[in-house]
C-alpha atoms as a PDB file:
ATOM      1  CA  MET A   1     -11.098  13.809 -13.276  1.00  0.00           C
ATOM      2  CA  ALA A   2      -9.259  13.143 -16.494  1.00  0.00           C
ATOM      3  CA  ALA A   3      -8.799   9.525 -17.542  1.00  0.00           C
ATOM      4  CA  ASP A   4      -5.044  10.040 -17.883  1.00  0.00           C
ATOM      5  CA  SER A   5      -4.485  11.658 -14.478  1.00  0.00           C
ATOM      6  CA  GLU A   6      -1.296  10.670 -12.674  1.00  0.00           C
ATOM      7  CA  ARG A   7      -0.780   9.519  -9.111  1.00  0.00           C
ATOM      8  CA  THR A   8       2.319   8.876  -7.006  1.00  0.00           C
ATOM      9  CA  CYS A   9       3.272   5.506  -5.514  1.00  0.00           C
ATOM     10  CA  ILE A  10       3.714   6.003  -1.764  1.00  0.00           C
ATOM     11  CA  VAL A  11       6.615   3.533  -1.656  1.00  0.00           C
ATOM     12  CA  CYS A  12       8.944   4.493  -4.525  1.00  0.00           C
ATOM     13  CA  ARG A  13       7.455   7.961  -5.165  1.00  0.00           C
ATOM     14  CA  GLY A  14       7.295   7.144  -8.883  1.00  0.00           C
ATOM     15  CA  ARG A  15       4.461   8.633 -10.907  1.00  0.00           C
ATOM     16  CA  ALA A  16       2.145   6.668 -13.181  1.00  0.00           C
ATOM     17  CA  ALA A  17      -1.321   6.860 -14.700  1.00  0.00           C
ATOM     18  CA  LYS A  18      -4.023   6.239 -12.106  1.00  0.00           C
ATOM     19  CA  GLY A  19      -5.129   3.038 -13.840  1.00  0.00           C
ATOM     20  CA  GLN A  20      -1.642   1.549 -13.602  1.00  0.00           C
ATOM     21  CA  LEU A  21      -1.494   1.778  -9.798  1.00  0.00           C
ATOM     22  CA  TRP A  22      -3.345  -0.061  -7.043  1.00  0.00           C
ATOM     23  CA  ARG A  23      -5.521   2.137  -4.842  1.00  0.00           C
ATOM     24  CA  VAL A  24      -5.630   1.384  -1.121  1.00  0.00           C
ATOM     25  CA  VAL A  25      -8.190   2.845   1.293  1.00  0.00           C
ATOM     26  CA  TRP A  26      -8.771   2.669   5.054  1.00  0.00           C
ATOM     27  CA  GLU A  27     -12.118   0.913   5.430  1.00  0.00           C
ATOM     28  CA  GLU A  28     -13.766  -0.973   8.265  1.00  0.00           C
ATOM     29  CA  GLY A  29     -10.710  -0.582  10.456  1.00  0.00           C
ATOM     30  CA  ARG A  30      -8.113  -1.920   8.029  1.00  0.00           C
ATOM     31  CA  LEU A  31      -6.182  -1.164   4.854  1.00  0.00           C
ATOM     32  CA  ARG A  32      -8.063  -2.543   1.868  1.00  0.00           C
ATOM     33  CA  LEU A  33      -7.255  -2.835  -1.792  1.00  0.00           C
ATOM     34  CA  ASP A  34      -9.782  -0.829  -3.817  1.00  0.00           C
ATOM     35  CA  GLU A  35      -9.897  -2.815  -7.035  1.00  0.00           C
ATOM     36  CA  SER A  36     -12.694  -0.672  -8.486  1.00  0.00           C
ATOM     37  CA  GLN A  37     -10.833   2.558  -7.565  1.00  0.00           C
ATOM     38  CA  ARG A  38     -14.230   3.966  -6.581  1.00  0.00           C
ATOM     39  CA  ARG A  39     -14.579   3.283  -2.853  1.00  0.00           C
ATOM     40  CA  PRO A  40     -15.303   6.356  -0.760  1.00  0.00           C
ATOM     41  CA  GLY A  41     -12.614   8.069   1.233  1.00  0.00           C
ATOM     42  CA  ARG A  42      -9.052   9.117   0.695  1.00  0.00           C
ATOM     43  CA  GLY A  43      -6.910   6.653  -1.213  1.00  0.00           C
ATOM     44  CA  ALA A  44      -3.191   6.008  -1.456  1.00  0.00           C
ATOM     45  CA  TYR A  45      -1.589   4.532  -4.546  1.00  0.00           C
ATOM     46  CA  LEU A  46       0.934   1.739  -4.926  1.00  0.00           C
ATOM     47  CA  HIS A  47       2.682   0.193  -7.931  1.00  0.00           C
ATOM     48  CA  PRO A  48       1.663  -3.428  -8.544  1.00  0.00           C
ATOM     49  CA  ALA A  49       5.355  -4.223  -9.092  1.00  0.00           C
ATOM     50  CA  ARG A  50       6.476  -6.551  -6.319  1.00  0.00           C
ATOM     51  CA  GLN A  51       9.561  -4.468  -5.546  1.00  0.00           C
ATOM     52  CA  CYS A  52       7.178  -1.745  -4.332  1.00  0.00           C
ATOM     53  CA  TRP A  53       4.653  -3.691  -2.291  1.00  0.00           C
ATOM     54  CA  LEU A  54       7.173  -6.136  -0.839  1.00  0.00           C
ATOM     55  CA  LYS A  55       9.346  -3.365   0.589  1.00  0.00           C
ATOM     56  CA  ARG A  56       9.078  -2.838   4.294  1.00  0.00           C
ATOM     57  CA  GLN A  57       6.647  -0.004   4.762  1.00  0.00           C
ATOM     58  CA  GLU A  58       6.135   1.945   7.924  1.00  0.00           C
ATOM     59  CA  ALA A  59       2.576   2.420   9.165  1.00  0.00           C
ATOM     60  CA  GLU A  60       3.311   6.147   9.532  1.00  0.00           C
ATOM     61  CA  ARG A  61       3.741   6.474   5.766  1.00  0.00           C
ATOM     62  CA  TRP A  62       0.228   5.096   5.249  1.00  0.00           C
ATOM     63  CA  GLU A  63      -1.147   7.364   7.990  1.00  0.00           C
ATOM     64  CA  ARG A  64       0.225  10.435   6.219  1.00  0.00           C
ATOM     65  CA  ALA A  65      -0.964   9.320   2.786  1.00  0.00           C
ATOM     66  CA  LEU A  66      -4.466   8.500   4.028  1.00  0.00           C
ATOM     67  CA  ARG A  67      -4.569  11.464   6.431  1.00  0.00           C
ATOM     68  CA  ARG A  68      -5.231   9.227   9.418  1.00  0.00           C
ATOM     69  CA  PRO A  69      -4.448  10.322  12.982  1.00  0.00           C
ATOM     70  CA  LYS A  70      -0.953   9.472  14.198  1.00  0.00           C
ATOM     71  CA  GLY A  71      -0.944   6.048  15.826  1.00  0.00           C
ATOM     72  CA  SER A  72      -4.181   4.920  14.149  1.00  0.00           C
ATOM     73  CA  LEU A  73      -2.468   2.274  12.002  1.00  0.00           C
ATOM     74  CA  ARG A  74      -0.311  -0.534  13.316  1.00  0.00           C
ATOM     75  CA  GLN A  75       2.500  -2.288  11.499  1.00  0.00           C
ATOM     76  CA  GLU A  76       0.263  -5.387  11.523  1.00  0.00           C
ATOM     77  CA  ASP A  77      -2.216  -3.491   9.305  1.00  0.00           C
ATOM     78  CA  VAL A  78       0.506  -2.974   6.703  1.00  0.00           C
ATOM     79  CA  VAL A  79       1.614  -6.621   6.914  1.00  0.00           C
ATOM     80  CA  ALA A  80      -2.014  -7.753   6.444  1.00  0.00           C
ATOM     81  CA  LEU A  81      -2.252  -5.625   3.281  1.00  0.00           C
ATOM     82  CA  GLN A  82       0.999  -7.117   1.976  1.00  0.00           C
ATOM     83  CA  GLN A  83      -0.376 -10.610   2.617  1.00  0.00           C
ATOM     84  CA  GLU A  84      -3.574  -9.723   0.734  1.00  0.00           C
ATOM     85  CA  LEU A  85      -1.515  -8.474  -2.219  1.00  0.00           C
ATOM     86  CA  SER A  86       0.609 -11.625  -2.027  1.00  0.00           C
ATOM     87  CA  CYS A  87      -2.506 -13.785  -2.374  1.00  0.00           C
ATOM     88  CA  LEU A  88      -3.796 -11.634  -5.211  1.00  0.00           C
ATOM     89  CA  THR A  89      -0.576 -11.893  -7.206  1.00  0.00           C
ATOM     90  CA  GLY A  90       0.424 -15.433  -6.251  1.00  0.00           C
ATOM     91  CA  VAL A  91       3.778 -14.266  -4.851  1.00  0.00           C
ATOM     92  CA  ALA A  92       4.572 -16.159  -1.656  1.00  0.00           C
ATOM     93  CA  VAL A  93       5.934 -14.047   1.152  1.00  0.00           C
ATOM     94  CA  GLY A  94       6.601 -14.784   4.817  1.00  0.00           C
ATOM     95  CA  VAL A  95       5.188 -12.638   7.618  1.00  0.00           C
ATOM     96  CA  GLU A  96       8.489 -12.709   9.487  1.00  0.00           C
ATOM     97  CA  LEU A  97      10.247 -11.208   6.444  1.00  0.00           C
ATOM     98  CA  LEU A  98       7.744  -8.367   6.183  1.00  0.00           C
ATOM     99  CA  SER A  99       7.523  -7.537   9.850  1.00  0.00           C
ATOM    100  CA  LYS A 100      11.156  -7.886  10.937  1.00  0.00           C
ATOM    101  CA  THR A 101      13.221  -6.720   7.974  1.00  0.00           C
ATOM    102  CA  PRO A 102      15.657  -3.988   9.051  1.00  0.00           C
ATOM    103  CA  ARG A 103      14.947  -0.602   7.455  1.00  0.00           C
ATOM    104  CA  LYS A 104      18.271  -0.461   5.623  1.00  0.00           C
ATOM    105  CA  LEU A 105      17.756  -3.815   3.878  1.00  0.00           C
ATOM    106  CA  ARG A 106      16.104  -3.360   0.486  1.00  0.00           C
ATOM    107  CA  LEU A 107      13.930  -6.139  -0.926  1.00  0.00           C
END
C-alpha cells in the first residue's frame, strides 16, 4: 500500500492520510487502539481531534466499519475506547457524558 494512502474517519467522514488517523481494531473481545497500525484484522479509522472521538458514537457504526455481526458490540465497548483515548491524550471526560448524551447534541 502506498505511504500516502487516504482513509476515512468513521465519525466525521473526513478523509486524511493513513498516518494522520488513529486505527482501531476489534481484538480480544474489545475495541483497541492500534498504535502500530499493523495489528491483524479489519481496522476502522478515527481522527485524533477530540471533536471526533468525543462525539457520541453508536456501536452499530463500529460494527459496520469493522464488519462485525449486528449486535456484537455494545455501547459500553465504545465508551471504553473513548476512555482509553481520553487517558492517551490527557483529556478528561466523564462516562455519563459519553453514554447518555442525546443524539442531537453535538460535542
